[in-house]
Amino acid sequence: MAYVPVPKDLTAVKTKVMFNLTKRQLICFGSGAGIGIPLFFILKSYTAVSAAAICMVLVMLPFFLLAMYEKHGLPLEKIIRNIVRVYFLRPKQRPYETNNFYAAVMRQDQLDKEVYRIVNKKKAHPRRKATD
């Protein structure tokens, strides 16, 4: 009897388009091949074949990484974007601030008491000034 592995988490299953590759992988591999192969043939006429092959591999490597690398469900460009945000765009120290509801209620209570004192003080002053 044939054994077919069934993944327990079906959200991790990706739709394969052609050659058992996803659309993302096909686009990245096609872009890498579209840049790397012509570069190889151009460099082959000016340098040794091995040097041209190494240059082609180095140029195609980022496309391969974009197609295949994934960590915690995030593709490589999102991981790089997060790293750039953390190290370069956001401040290094983030102060921990809370919105304390109790402190807001206490401030409002203090303001109410102060307003009450001011209003009661003004009511008492006109009588004194009238007798002066």
C-alpha atoms as a PDB file:
ATOM      1  CA  MET A   1       0.000   0.000   0.000  1.00  0.00           C
ATOM      2  CA  ALA A   2       1.305   3.456  -0.896  1.00  0.00           C
ATOM      3  CA  TYR A   3       2.231   5.832   1.907  1.00  0.00           C
ATOM      4  CA  VAL A   4       1.415   9.510   1.426  1.00  0.00           C
ATOM      5  CA  PRO A   5       2.484  11.960   4.143  1.00  0.00           C
ATOM      6  CA  VAL A   6      -0.261  14.385   5.110  1.00  0.00           C
ATOM      7  CA  PRO A   7       0.833  17.532   6.940  1.00  0.00           C
ATOM      8  CA  LYS A   8      -0.975  18.288  10.187  1.00  0.00           C
ATOM      9  CA  ASP A   9      -0.982  22.043   9.587  1.00  0.00           C
ATOM     10  CA  LEU A  10      -2.730  22.670   6.278  1.00  0.00           C
ATOM     11  CA  THR A  11      -1.949  26.412   6.345  1.00  0.00           C
ATOM     12  CA  ALA A  12       1.692  25.567   5.568  1.00  0.00           C
ATOM     13  CA  VAL A  13       0.707  23.828   2.315  1.00  0.00           C
ATOM     14  CA  LYS A  14       1.485  25.985  -0.713  1.00  0.00           C
ATOM     15  CA  THR A  15      -0.030  25.710  -4.157  1.00  0.00           C
ATOM     16  CA  LYS A  16       2.422  24.331  -6.710  1.00  0.00           C
ATOM     17  CA  VAL A  17       2.164  25.828 -10.190  1.00  0.00           C
ATOM     18  CA  MET A  18       4.688  24.035 -12.381  1.00  0.00           C
ATOM     19  CA  PHE A  19       7.584  21.583 -11.849  1.00  0.00           C
ATOM     20  CA  ASN A  20       6.498  21.265  -8.199  1.00  0.00           C
ATOM     21  CA  LEU A  21       7.451  24.938  -7.622  1.00  0.00           C
ATOM     22  CA  THR A  22       5.320  27.771  -6.310  1.00  0.00           C
ATOM     23  CA  LYS A  23       4.650  30.902  -8.331  1.00  0.00           C
ATOM     24  CA  ARG A  24       7.101  32.836  -6.157  1.00  0.00           C
ATOM     25  CA  GLN A  25       9.853  30.285  -6.752  1.00  0.00           C
ATOM     26  CA  LEU A  26       9.232  30.259 -10.507  1.00  0.00           C
ATOM     27  CA  ILE A  27       9.438  34.063 -10.693  1.00  0.00           C
ATOM     28  CA  CYS A  28      12.629  34.228  -8.596  1.00  0.00           C
ATOM     29  CA  PHE A  29      14.357  31.378 -10.435  1.00  0.00           C
ATOM     30  CA  GLY A  30      13.316  32.827 -13.803  1.00  0.00           C
ATOM     31  CA  SER A  31      14.641  36.267 -12.842  1.00  0.00           C
ATOM     32  CA  GLY A  32      17.914  34.780 -11.647  1.00  0.00           C
ATOM     33  CA  ALA A  33      18.315  32.763 -14.832  1.00  0.00           C
ATOM     34  CA  GLY A  34      17.346  35.788 -16.942  1.00  0.00           C
ATOM     35  CA  ILE A  35      20.167  37.801 -15.405  1.00  0.00           C
ATOM     36  CA  GLY A  36      22.769  35.098 -14.676  1.00  0.00           C
ATOM     37  CA  ILE A  37      22.891  33.180 -17.958  1.00  0.00           C
ATOM     38  CA  PRO A  38      23.414  36.217 -20.244  1.00  0.00           C
ATOM     39  CA  LEU A  39      26.008  37.506 -17.766  1.00  0.00           C
ATOM     40  CA  PHE A  40      27.853  34.181 -18.015  1.00  0.00           C
ATOM     41  CA  PHE A  41      27.998  34.317 -21.809  1.00  0.00           C
ATOM     42  CA  ILE A  42      29.116  37.958 -21.783  1.00  0.00           C
ATOM     43  CA  LEU A  43      31.846  37.358 -19.201  1.00  0.00           C
ATOM     44  CA  LYS A  44      32.979  34.085 -20.836  1.00  0.00           C
ATOM     45  CA  SER A  45      34.311  35.963 -23.829  1.00  0.00           C
ATOM     46  CA  TYR A  46      36.380  38.332 -21.617  1.00  0.00           C
ATOM     47  CA  THR A  47      37.500  36.039 -18.766  1.00  0.00           C
ATOM     48  CA  ALA A  48      38.039  32.361 -18.043  1.00  0.00           C
ATOM     49  CA  VAL A  49      35.017  30.085 -17.979  1.00  0.00           C
ATOM     50  CA  SER A  50      35.439  29.316 -14.286  1.00  0.00           C
ATOM     51  CA  ALA A  51      35.539  33.031 -13.381  1.00  0.00           C
ATOM     52  CA  ALA A  52      32.417  33.650 -15.474  1.00  0.00           C
ATOM     53  CA  ALA A  53      30.681  30.720 -13.777  1.00  0.00           C
ATOM     54  CA  ILE A  54      31.571  32.032 -10.310  1.00  0.00           C
ATOM     55  CA  CYS A  55      30.239  35.503 -11.209  1.00  0.00           C
ATOM     56  CA  MET A  56      27.046  33.922 -12.536  1.00  0.00           C
ATOM     57  CA  VAL A  57      26.563  31.926  -9.319  1.00  0.00           C
ATOM     58  CA  LEU A  58      27.164  35.021  -7.165  1.00  0.00           C
ATOM     59  CA  VAL A  59      24.642  37.047  -9.171  1.00  0.00           C
ATOM     60  CA  MET A  60      22.021  34.290  -9.087  1.00  0.00           C
ATOM     61  CA  LEU A  61      22.439  33.498  -5.357  1.00  0.00           C
ATOM     62  CA  PRO A  62      20.206  36.346  -4.054  1.00  0.00           C
ATOM     63  CA  PHE A  63      17.391  35.215  -6.349  1.00  0.00           C
ATOM     64  CA  PHE A  64      17.749  31.650  -5.079  1.00  0.00           C
ATOM     65  CA  LEU A  65      17.643  32.861  -1.475  1.00  0.00           C
ATOM     66  CA  LEU A  66      14.555  34.994  -2.155  1.00  0.00           C
ATOM     67  CA  ALA A  67      12.837  31.968  -3.648  1.00  0.00           C
ATOM     68  CA  MET A  68      13.750  29.330  -1.080  1.00  0.00           C
ATOM     69  CA  TYR A  69      14.568  30.871   2.312  1.00  0.00           C
ATOM     70  CA  GLU A  70      11.696  31.146   4.735  1.00  0.00           C
ATOM     71  CA  LYS A  71      11.738  31.409   8.522  1.00  0.00           C
ATOM     72  CA  HIS A  72       8.624  31.233  10.683  1.00  0.00           C
ATOM     73  CA  GLY A  73       6.474  31.633   7.572  1.00  0.00           C
ATOM     74  CA  LEU A  74       8.176  34.897   6.506  1.00  0.00           C
ATOM     75  CA  PRO A  75      10.032  35.155   3.197  1.00  0.00           C
ATOM     76  CA  LEU A  76      13.540  36.611   3.080  1.00  0.00           C
ATOM     77  CA  GLU A  77      12.573  40.145   2.016  1.00  0.00           C
ATOM     78  CA  LYS A  78      10.238  40.520   5.000  1.00  0.00           C
ATOM     79  CA  ILE A  79      12.943  39.255   7.343  1.00  0.00           C
ATOM     80  CA  ILE A  80      15.418  41.771   5.880  1.00  0.00           C
ATOM     81  CA  ARG A  81      12.819  44.551   6.168  1.00  0.00           C
ATOM     82  CA  ASN A  82      12.278  43.696   9.839  1.00  0.00           C
ATOM     83  CA  ILE A  83      16.022  43.670  10.517  1.00  0.00           C
ATOM     84  CA  VAL A  84      16.452  47.070   8.840  1.00  0.00           C
ATOM     85  CA  ARG A  85      13.565  48.475  10.877  1.00  0.00           C
ATOM     86  CA  VAL A  86      14.953  47.191  14.176  1.00  0.00           C
ATOM     87  CA  TYR A  87      18.577  48.199  13.685  1.00  0.00           C
ATOM     88  CA  PHE A  88      18.367  51.365  11.585  1.00  0.00           C
ATOM     89  CA  LEU A  89      14.924  52.978  11.488  1.00  0.00           C
ATOM     90  CA  ARG A  90      13.488  52.585  14.990  1.00  0.00           C
ATOM     91  CA  PRO A  91      15.008  54.148  18.121  1.00  0.00           C
ATOM     92  CA  LYS A  92      17.360  51.913  20.089  1.00  0.00           C
ATOM     93  CA  GLN A  93      15.728  52.498  23.458  1.00  0.00           C
ATOM     94  CA  ARG A  94      11.988  52.270  23.670  1.00  0.00           C
ATOM     95  CA  PRO A  95      10.663  53.571  26.983  1.00  0.00           C
ATOM     96  CA  TYR A  96       7.994  51.490  28.607  1.00  0.00           C
ATOM     97  CA  GLU A  97       4.958  53.687  29.044  1.00  0.00           C
ATOM     98  CA  THR A  98       1.584  52.682  30.353  1.00  0.00           C
ATOM     99  CA  ASN A  99      -1.739  54.399  30.294  1.00  0.00           C
ATOM    100  CA  ASN A 100      -2.615  54.100  33.973  1.00  0.00           C
ATOM    101  CA  PHE A 101      -6.361  54.512  34.413  1.00  0.00           C
ATOM    102  CA  TYR A 102      -6.063  54.883  38.194  1.00  0.00           C
ATOM    103  CA  ALA A 103      -3.618  57.797  37.830  1.00  0.00           C
ATOM    104  CA  ALA A 104      -5.972  59.501  35.366  1.00  0.00           C
ATOM    105  CA  VAL A 105      -8.875  59.126  37.815  1.00  0.00           C
ATOM    106  CA  MET A 106      -6.729  60.544  40.638  1.00  0.00           C
ATOM    107  CA  ARG A 107      -5.699  63.560  38.506  1.00  0.00           C
ATOM    108  CA  GLN A 108      -9.334  64.199  37.621  1.00  0.00           C
ATOM    109  CA  ASP A 109     -10.273  63.989  41.310  1.00  0.00           C
ATOM    110  CA  GLN A 110      -7.553  66.505  42.217  1.00  0.00           C
ATOM    111  CA  LEU A 111      -8.782  68.858  39.486  1.00  0.00           C
ATOM    112  CA  ASP A 112     -12.377  68.526  40.700  1.00  0.00           C
ATOM    113  CA  LYS A 113     -11.316  69.356  44.266  1.00  0.00           C
ATOM    114  CA  GLU A 114      -9.329  72.363  43.087  1.00  0.00           C
ATOM    115  CA  VAL A 115     -12.249  73.658  41.036  1.00  0.00           C
ATOM    116  CA  TYR A 116     -14.553  73.153  44.020  1.00  0.00           C
ATOM    117  CA  ARG A 117     -12.200  75.157  46.291  1.00  0.00           C
ATOM    118  CA  ILE A 118     -11.925  77.975  43.735  1.00  0.00           C
ATOM    119  CA  VAL A 119     -15.680  78.166  43.269  1.00  0.00           C
ATOM    120  CA  ASN A 120     -16.361  78.155  47.030  1.00  0.00           C
ATOM    121  CA  LYS A 121     -13.643  80.757  47.682  1.00  0.00           C
ATOM    122  CA  LYS A 122     -15.166  83.148  45.104  1.00  0.00           C
ATOM    123  CA  LYS A 123     -18.571  82.818  46.690  1.00  0.00           C
ATOM    124  CA  ALA A 124     -17.124  83.814  50.097  1.00  0.00           C
ATOM    125  CA  HIS A 125     -15.154  86.830  48.803  1.00  0.00           C
ATOM    126  CA  PRO A 126     -18.021  88.974  47.484  1.00  0.00           C
ATOM    127  CA  ARG A 127     -19.592  89.184  50.971  1.00  0.00           C
ATOM    128  CA  ARG A 128     -16.362  90.330  52.529  1.00  0.00           C
ATOM    129  CA  LYS A 129     -15.736  92.892  49.813  1.00  0.00           C
ATOM    130  CA  ALA A 130     -19.282  94.222  50.095  1.00  0.00           C
ATOM    131  CA  THR A 131     -18.703  95.101  53.758  1.00  0.00           C
ATOM    132  CA  ASP A 132     -15.331  96.770  53.077  1.00  0.00           C
END
